Amino acid sequence: ACVPFGMVQAVPQTGNYTWVYTGGYQYTDSIIYGFAQTRINGTGISDLGDLLMLPFTGNAVRESYQSSYEKKNQTATPGYYSVVLSDFDIKAEMTAAAHTTMHKYSFSDKEQTRLLIDFQNGGVNSHREFFTHVIDAEQNFESPTLITGYSHKKVWIERTYYYAIEFSKPYVTKTMLPLRDSAEKAHRYVFDFDLKPGEQLMVKVALSS
């Protein structure tokens, strides 16, 4: 989901490594790891793939964060993308403005509703580069509905981006997940929300260079 000449693209991620995943998504894949806010397309080299988010239910700390999905439950039209995450029965919808992505997650499960945000995520060329491409990063929890911060990265180019993430509902708890490698400079957090079955969470992500 994007607008012409916009700097953001709300997009599913089915892989990270090598030029095959410069767009973040391969139609033949059956697993979605979340939804990133930026992509680089058609270059044959990786970069971007910032701020990965995955809505889910159940245990906050788990071995892997992903969901299967069925192609019949996926929709893509200009400026809009949606998919049902089969493992959690969550419908994810997203659209974009020039500098802002908008996500809507509809939860139907009675289990605890949660959102993973991976600030380390990015499109990279190798498994090792995934852990080393972030040079510096900061996350500021301004309030239960607002997170701000920045990330300084180098993959294809060296760049810094700043962001604000706003929730339509306040999170009630947050859990910082363990680092996957000692080289990581950014963190992963799981946010818990007090939502009833059928309730929706809106997430707005604004980016600036």
C-alpha atoms as a PDB file:
ATOM      1  CA  ALA A   1       0.000   0.000   0.000  1.00  0.00           C
ATOM      2  CA  CYS A   2       1.533   3.313  -1.092  1.00  0.00           C
ATOM      3  CA  VAL A   3       0.841   6.555  -2.909  1.00  0.00           C
ATOM      4  CA  PRO A   4       2.798   7.795  -5.953  1.00  0.00           C
ATOM      5  CA  PHE A   5       6.190   9.164  -4.852  1.00  0.00           C
ATOM      6  CA  GLY A   6       5.387   8.389  -1.208  1.00  0.00           C
ATOM      7  CA  MET A   7       8.252   7.466   1.114  1.00  0.00           C
ATOM      8  CA  VAL A   8       6.361   4.670   2.881  1.00  0.00           C
ATOM      9  CA  GLN A   9       4.966   1.320   1.778  1.00  0.00           C
ATOM     10  CA  ALA A  10       2.887  -0.796   4.152  1.00  0.00           C
ATOM     11  CA  VAL A  11       3.700  -4.320   3.067  1.00  0.00           C
ATOM     12  CA  PRO A  12       3.727  -7.926   4.306  1.00  0.00           C
ATOM     13  CA  GLN A  13       7.082  -9.540   4.949  1.00  0.00           C
ATOM     14  CA  THR A  14       7.652 -13.182   4.083  1.00  0.00           C
ATOM     15  CA  GLY A  15      11.473 -13.091   4.134  1.00  0.00           C
ATOM     16  CA  ASN A  16      14.526 -10.906   4.796  1.00  0.00           C
ATOM     17  CA  TYR A  17      17.630 -12.121   3.064  1.00  0.00           C
ATOM     18  CA  THR A  18      19.123 -11.723  -0.450  1.00  0.00           C
ATOM     19  CA  TRP A  19      17.834  -9.846  -3.479  1.00  0.00           C
ATOM     20  CA  VAL A  20      14.826 -12.197  -3.729  1.00  0.00           C
ATOM     21  CA  TYR A  21      13.291 -10.295  -0.801  1.00  0.00           C
ATOM     22  CA  THR A  22      14.121  -6.712  -1.768  1.00  0.00           C
ATOM     23  CA  GLY A  23      10.342  -6.216  -1.979  1.00  0.00           C
ATOM     24  CA  GLY A  24       9.872  -8.148   1.263  1.00  0.00           C
ATOM     25  CA  TYR A  25       7.268 -10.511  -0.172  1.00  0.00           C
ATOM     26  CA  GLN A  26       7.154 -13.580  -2.390  1.00  0.00           C
ATOM     27  CA  TYR A  27       3.760 -14.835  -3.555  1.00  0.00           C
ATOM     28  CA  THR A  28       4.795 -18.477  -3.254  1.00  0.00           C
ATOM     29  CA  ASP A  29       5.533 -18.156   0.496  1.00  0.00           C
ATOM     30  CA  SER A  30       2.967 -19.397   3.001  1.00  0.00           C
ATOM     31  CA  ILE A  31       4.207 -17.561   6.145  1.00  0.00           C
ATOM     32  CA  ILE A  32       3.980 -13.854   7.048  1.00  0.00           C
ATOM     33  CA  TYR A  33       6.362 -12.503   9.689  1.00  0.00           C
ATOM     34  CA  GLY A  34       4.693  -9.120   9.968  1.00  0.00           C
ATOM     35  CA  PHE A  35       4.199  -5.829   8.164  1.00  0.00           C
ATOM     36  CA  ALA A  36       7.002  -3.352   7.470  1.00  0.00           C
ATOM     37  CA  GLN A  37       6.624   0.354   6.681  1.00  0.00           C
ATOM     38  CA  THR A  38       9.203   0.855   3.903  1.00  0.00           C
ATOM     39  CA  ARG A  39      10.441  -1.108   0.908  1.00  0.00           C
ATOM     40  CA  ILE A  40      12.878  -0.759  -1.946  1.00  0.00           C
ATOM     41  CA  ASN A  41      11.830  -2.407  -5.209  1.00  0.00           C
ATOM     42  CA  GLY A  42      13.502  -3.350  -8.472  1.00  0.00           C
ATOM     43  CA  THR A  43      17.097  -2.702  -7.389  1.00  0.00           C
ATOM     44  CA  GLY A  44      18.449  -6.228  -7.024  1.00  0.00           C
ATOM     45  CA  ILE A  45      19.931  -5.220  -3.663  1.00  0.00           C
ATOM     46  CA  SER A  46      18.384  -5.070  -0.211  1.00  0.00           C
ATOM     47  CA  ASP A  47      17.573  -2.184   2.147  1.00  0.00           C
ATOM     48  CA  LEU A  48      14.700  -0.532   4.078  1.00  0.00           C
ATOM     49  CA  GLY A  49      12.058  -2.876   5.580  1.00  0.00           C
ATOM     50  CA  ASP A  50      11.728  -0.720   8.685  1.00  0.00           C
ATOM     51  CA  LEU A  51       9.551  -1.154  11.796  1.00  0.00           C
ATOM     52  CA  LEU A  52       8.101  -4.631  11.430  1.00  0.00           C
ATOM     53  CA  MET A  53       4.759  -5.136  13.216  1.00  0.00           C
ATOM     54  CA  LEU A  54       2.842  -8.360  13.838  1.00  0.00           C
ATOM     55  CA  PRO A  55      -0.515  -8.521  15.654  1.00  0.00           C
ATOM     56  CA  PHE A  56      -1.066 -11.819  17.448  1.00  0.00           C
ATOM     57  CA  THR A  57      -2.755 -13.521  20.399  1.00  0.00           C
ATOM     58  CA  GLY A  58      -1.599 -15.950  23.062  1.00  0.00           C
ATOM     59  CA  ASN A  59       1.767 -16.072  24.797  1.00  0.00           C
ATOM     60  CA  ALA A  60       3.854 -12.897  24.616  1.00  0.00           C
ATOM     61  CA  VAL A  61       7.208 -14.680  24.589  1.00  0.00           C
ATOM     62  CA  ARG A  62       7.466 -17.445  22.010  1.00  0.00           C
ATOM     63  CA  GLU A  63      10.060 -19.166  19.893  1.00  0.00           C
ATOM     64  CA  SER A  64       9.008 -17.494  16.649  1.00  0.00           C
ATOM     65  CA  TYR A  65       6.664 -14.703  15.588  1.00  0.00           C
ATOM     66  CA  GLN A  66       4.832 -15.534  12.376  1.00  0.00           C
ATOM     67  CA  SER A  67       1.531 -16.688  10.952  1.00  0.00           C
ATOM     68  CA  SER A  68       0.335 -18.800   8.069  1.00  0.00           C
ATOM     69  CA  TYR A  69      -2.203 -17.317   5.653  1.00  0.00           C
ATOM     70  CA  GLU A  70      -4.307 -18.392   2.696  1.00  0.00           C
ATOM     71  CA  LYS A  71      -4.157 -16.622  -0.647  1.00  0.00           C
ATOM     72  CA  LYS A  72      -7.968 -16.534  -0.807  1.00  0.00           C
ATOM     73  CA  ASN A  73      -7.932 -14.323   2.332  1.00  0.00           C
ATOM     74  CA  GLN A  74      -5.471 -11.812   0.862  1.00  0.00           C
ATOM     75  CA  THR A  75      -6.496  -8.658  -1.026  1.00  0.00           C
ATOM     76  CA  ALA A  76      -4.299  -6.114  -2.784  1.00  0.00           C
ATOM     77  CA  THR A  77      -5.539  -3.059  -4.677  1.00  0.00           C
ATOM     78  CA  PRO A  78      -3.848   0.305  -5.335  1.00  0.00           C
ATOM     79  CA  GLY A  79      -3.261   1.931  -1.948  1.00  0.00           C
ATOM     80  CA  TYR A  80      -4.712  -0.940   0.118  1.00  0.00           C
ATOM     81  CA  TYR A  81      -3.634  -4.353   1.380  1.00  0.00           C
ATOM     82  CA  SER A  82      -5.366  -6.830   3.672  1.00  0.00           C
ATOM     83  CA  VAL A  83      -4.851 -10.392   4.822  1.00  0.00           C
ATOM     84  CA  VAL A  84      -6.197 -12.741   7.482  1.00  0.00           C
ATOM     85  CA  LEU A  85      -3.487 -14.171   9.729  1.00  0.00           C
ATOM     86  CA  SER A  86      -4.758 -17.730   9.984  1.00  0.00           C
ATOM     87  CA  ASP A  87      -2.882 -18.735  13.141  1.00  0.00           C
ATOM     88  CA  PHE A  88      -4.553 -15.962  15.168  1.00  0.00           C
ATOM     89  CA  ASP A  89      -7.737 -15.257  13.181  1.00  0.00           C
ATOM     90  CA  ILE A  90      -6.754 -11.583  12.871  1.00  0.00           C
ATOM     91  CA  LYS A  91      -7.650  -9.474   9.857  1.00  0.00           C
ATOM     92  CA  ALA A  92      -4.886  -6.962   9.067  1.00  0.00           C
ATOM     93  CA  GLU A  93      -5.643  -4.012   6.786  1.00  0.00           C
ATOM     94  CA  MET A  94      -3.337  -1.180   5.768  1.00  0.00           C
ATOM     95  CA  THR A  95      -3.091   1.897   3.625  1.00  0.00           C
ATOM     96  CA  ALA A  96      -0.645   4.782   3.254  1.00  0.00           C
ATOM     97  CA  ALA A  97      -0.234   8.519   2.797  1.00  0.00           C
ATOM     98  CA  ALA A  98       2.981  10.225   1.654  1.00  0.00           C
ATOM     99  CA  HIS A  99       4.793   9.865   4.995  1.00  0.00           C
ATOM    100  CA  THR A 100       2.352   7.778   7.043  1.00  0.00           C
ATOM    101  CA  THR A 101       1.091   4.213   7.083  1.00  0.00           C
ATOM    102  CA  MET A 102      -2.217   3.257   8.687  1.00  0.00           C
ATOM    103  CA  HIS A 103      -2.907  -0.233  10.001  1.00  0.00           C
ATOM    104  CA  LYS A 104      -6.178  -1.709  11.276  1.00  0.00           C
ATOM    105  CA  TYR A 105      -6.125  -5.028  13.111  1.00  0.00           C
ATOM    106  CA  SER A 106      -9.418  -6.781  13.835  1.00  0.00           C
ATOM    107  CA  PHE A 107      -9.133  -9.344  16.635  1.00  0.00           C
ATOM    108  CA  SER A 108     -11.704 -12.129  16.976  1.00  0.00           C
ATOM    109  CA  ASP A 109      -9.935 -14.412  19.463  1.00  0.00           C
ATOM    110  CA  LYS A 110     -10.725 -14.335  23.189  1.00  0.00           C
ATOM    111  CA  GLU A 111      -7.037 -14.693  24.078  1.00  0.00           C
ATOM    112  CA  GLN A 112      -4.840 -11.744  25.078  1.00  0.00           C
ATOM    113  CA  THR A 113      -4.400  -9.356  22.146  1.00  0.00           C
ATOM    114  CA  ARG A 114      -0.828  -8.304  21.465  1.00  0.00           C
ATOM    115  CA  LEU A 115       1.360  -6.462  18.966  1.00  0.00           C
ATOM    116  CA  LEU A 116       5.013  -7.172  18.225  1.00  0.00           C
ATOM    117  CA  ILE A 117       7.175  -4.291  16.979  1.00  0.00           C
ATOM    118  CA  ASP A 118      10.645  -5.250  15.784  1.00  0.00           C
ATOM    119  CA  PHE A 119      12.832  -2.132  15.654  1.00  0.00           C
ATOM    120  CA  GLN A 120      15.835  -4.172  14.446  1.00  0.00           C
ATOM    121  CA  ASN A 121      14.129  -5.480  11.323  1.00  0.00           C
ATOM    122  CA  GLY A 122      15.368  -4.601   7.859  1.00  0.00           C
ATOM    123  CA  GLY A 123      15.939  -5.840   4.340  1.00  0.00           C
ATOM    124  CA  VAL A 124      19.486  -7.208   4.335  1.00  0.00           C
ATOM    125  CA  ASN A 125      21.772  -9.306   2.172  1.00  0.00           C
ATOM    126  CA  SER A 126      22.732 -12.003   4.689  1.00  0.00           C
ATOM    127  CA  HIS A 127      21.696 -13.524   8.012  1.00  0.00           C
ATOM    128  CA  ARG A 128      24.682 -11.886   9.756  1.00  0.00           C
ATOM    129  CA  GLU A 129      23.897  -8.442   8.334  1.00  0.00           C
ATOM    130  CA  PHE A 130      20.464  -8.605   9.937  1.00  0.00           C
ATOM    131  CA  PHE A 131      22.122  -8.237  13.350  1.00  0.00           C
ATOM    132  CA  THR A 132      24.797  -5.686  12.366  1.00  0.00           C
ATOM    133  CA  HIS A 133      23.022  -3.259   9.996  1.00  0.00           C
ATOM    134  CA  VAL A 134      21.632  -1.055  12.812  1.00  0.00           C
ATOM    135  CA  ILE A 135      24.422   1.290  13.947  1.00  0.00           C
ATOM    136  CA  ASP A 136      22.426   3.133  16.598  1.00  0.00           C
ATOM    137  CA  ALA A 137      18.772   3.283  17.659  1.00  0.00           C
ATOM    138  CA  GLU A 138      16.517   4.779  20.294  1.00  0.00           C
ATOM    139  CA  GLN A 139      12.935   4.068  21.342  1.00  0.00           C
ATOM    140  CA  ASN A 140      11.059   6.576  23.530  1.00  0.00           C
ATOM    141  CA  PHE A 141       7.807   5.544  25.191  1.00  0.00           C
ATOM    142  CA  GLU A 142       6.119   8.922  25.435  1.00  0.00           C
ATOM    143  CA  SER A 143       2.772   7.532  26.627  1.00  0.00           C
ATOM    144  CA  PRO A 144       0.747   4.306  26.393  1.00  0.00           C
ATOM    145  CA  THR A 145      -0.434   5.460  22.957  1.00  0.00           C
ATOM    146  CA  LEU A 146       2.738   7.027  21.526  1.00  0.00           C
ATOM    147  CA  ILE A 147       6.252   5.773  20.742  1.00  0.00           C
ATOM    148  CA  THR A 148       8.911   7.936  19.101  1.00  0.00           C
ATOM    149  CA  GLY A 149      12.506   7.281  18.159  1.00  0.00           C
ATOM    150  CA  TYR A 150      15.090   6.965  15.428  1.00  0.00           C
ATOM    151  CA  SER A 151      17.289   4.378  13.775  1.00  0.00           C
ATOM    152  CA  HIS A 152      20.694   4.811  12.139  1.00  0.00           C
ATOM    153  CA  LYS A 153      21.347   1.999   9.654  1.00  0.00           C
ATOM    154  CA  LYS A 154      23.653   0.942   6.868  1.00  0.00           C
ATOM    155  CA  VAL A 155      22.826  -1.710   4.278  1.00  0.00           C
ATOM    156  CA  TRP A 156      22.976  -0.379   0.723  1.00  0.00           C
ATOM    157  CA  ILE A 157      23.192   3.215   1.933  1.00  0.00           C
ATOM    158  CA  GLU A 158      23.803   4.765   5.350  1.00  0.00           C
ATOM    159  CA  ARG A 159      20.735   6.618   6.602  1.00  0.00           C
ATOM    160  CA  THR A 160      18.833   7.778   9.661  1.00  0.00           C
ATOM    161  CA  TYR A 161      15.066   7.811   9.938  1.00  0.00           C
ATOM    162  CA  TYR A 162      12.803   9.173  12.683  1.00  0.00           C
ATOM    163  CA  TYR A 163       9.375   7.849  13.531  1.00  0.00           C
ATOM    164  CA  ALA A 164       6.252   8.256  15.610  1.00  0.00           C
ATOM    165  CA  ILE A 165       3.943   5.293  16.252  1.00  0.00           C
ATOM    166  CA  GLU A 166       0.473   6.052  17.613  1.00  0.00           C
ATOM    167  CA  PHE A 167      -2.113   3.532  18.862  1.00  0.00           C
ATOM    168  CA  SER A 168      -5.877   4.074  18.939  1.00  0.00           C
ATOM    169  CA  LYS A 169      -5.976   2.258  22.301  1.00  0.00           C
ATOM    170  CA  PRO A 170      -3.402   2.468  25.102  1.00  0.00           C
ATOM    171  CA  TYR A 171      -1.244  -0.561  25.696  1.00  0.00           C
ATOM    172  CA  VAL A 172      -1.513  -1.953  29.227  1.00  0.00           C
ATOM    173  CA  THR A 173       1.897  -3.639  29.413  1.00  0.00           C
ATOM    174  CA  LYS A 174       5.016  -3.902  27.289  1.00  0.00           C
ATOM    175  CA  THR A 175       7.597  -6.679  27.243  1.00  0.00           C
ATOM    176  CA  MET A 176      11.115  -6.205  25.888  1.00  0.00           C
ATOM    177  CA  LEU A 177      12.230  -9.439  24.237  1.00  0.00           C
ATOM    178  CA  PRO A 178      15.773 -10.805  24.614  1.00  0.00           C
ATOM    179  CA  LEU A 179      18.322  -9.852  21.979  1.00  0.00           C
ATOM    180  CA  ARG A 180      18.840 -12.541  19.370  1.00  0.00           C
ATOM    181  CA  ASP A 181      22.498 -11.560  18.940  1.00  0.00           C
ATOM    182  CA  SER A 182      24.956  -9.427  20.904  1.00  0.00           C
ATOM    183  CA  ALA A 183      25.436  -7.163  17.854  1.00  0.00           C
ATOM    184  CA  GLU A 184      21.810  -5.969  17.861  1.00  0.00           C
ATOM    185  CA  LYS A 185      21.373  -2.253  18.630  1.00  0.00           C
ATOM    186  CA  ALA A 186      17.566  -2.068  18.486  1.00  0.00           C
ATOM    187  CA  HIS A 187      14.991  -4.033  20.448  1.00  0.00           C
ATOM    188  CA  ARG A 188      11.799  -5.992  19.952  1.00  0.00           C
ATOM    189  CA  TYR A 189       8.788  -5.249  22.138  1.00  0.00           C
ATOM    190  CA  VAL A 190       5.461  -6.962  22.651  1.00  0.00           C
ATOM    191  CA  PHE A 191       2.586  -4.665  23.638  1.00  0.00           C
ATOM    192  CA  ASP A 192      -0.558  -5.980  25.337  1.00  0.00           C
ATOM    193  CA  PHE A 193      -3.918  -4.331  24.675  1.00  0.00           C
ATOM    194  CA  ASP A 194      -7.180  -4.700  26.568  1.00  0.00           C
ATOM    195  CA  LEU A 195      -9.458  -5.433  23.620  1.00  0.00           C
ATOM    196  CA  LYS A 196     -12.656  -7.418  23.451  1.00  0.00           C
ATOM    197  CA  PRO A 197     -13.333  -9.997  20.687  1.00  0.00           C
ATOM    198  CA  GLY A 198     -14.321  -8.085  17.570  1.00  0.00           C
ATOM    199  CA  GLU A 199     -12.610  -4.883  18.690  1.00  0.00           C
ATOM    200  CA  GLN A 200     -10.079  -3.188  16.429  1.00  0.00           C
ATOM    201  CA  LEU A 201      -6.671  -1.642  17.002  1.00  0.00           C
ATOM    202  CA  MET A 202      -5.574   1.197  14.732  1.00  0.00           C
ATOM    203  CA  VAL A 203      -1.853   1.956  14.379  1.00  0.00           C
ATOM    204  CA  LYS A 204      -0.498   5.063  12.662  1.00  0.00           C
ATOM    205  CA  VAL A 205       3.210   5.214  11.762  1.00  0.00           C
ATOM    206  CA  ALA A 206       4.803   8.469  10.583  1.00  0.00           C
ATOM    207  CA  LEU A 207       8.336   8.532   9.148  1.00  0.00           C
ATOM    208  CA  SER A 208      10.786  11.320   8.443  1.00  0.00           C
ATOM    209  CA  SER A 209      14.374  11.451   7.212  1.00  0.00           C
END
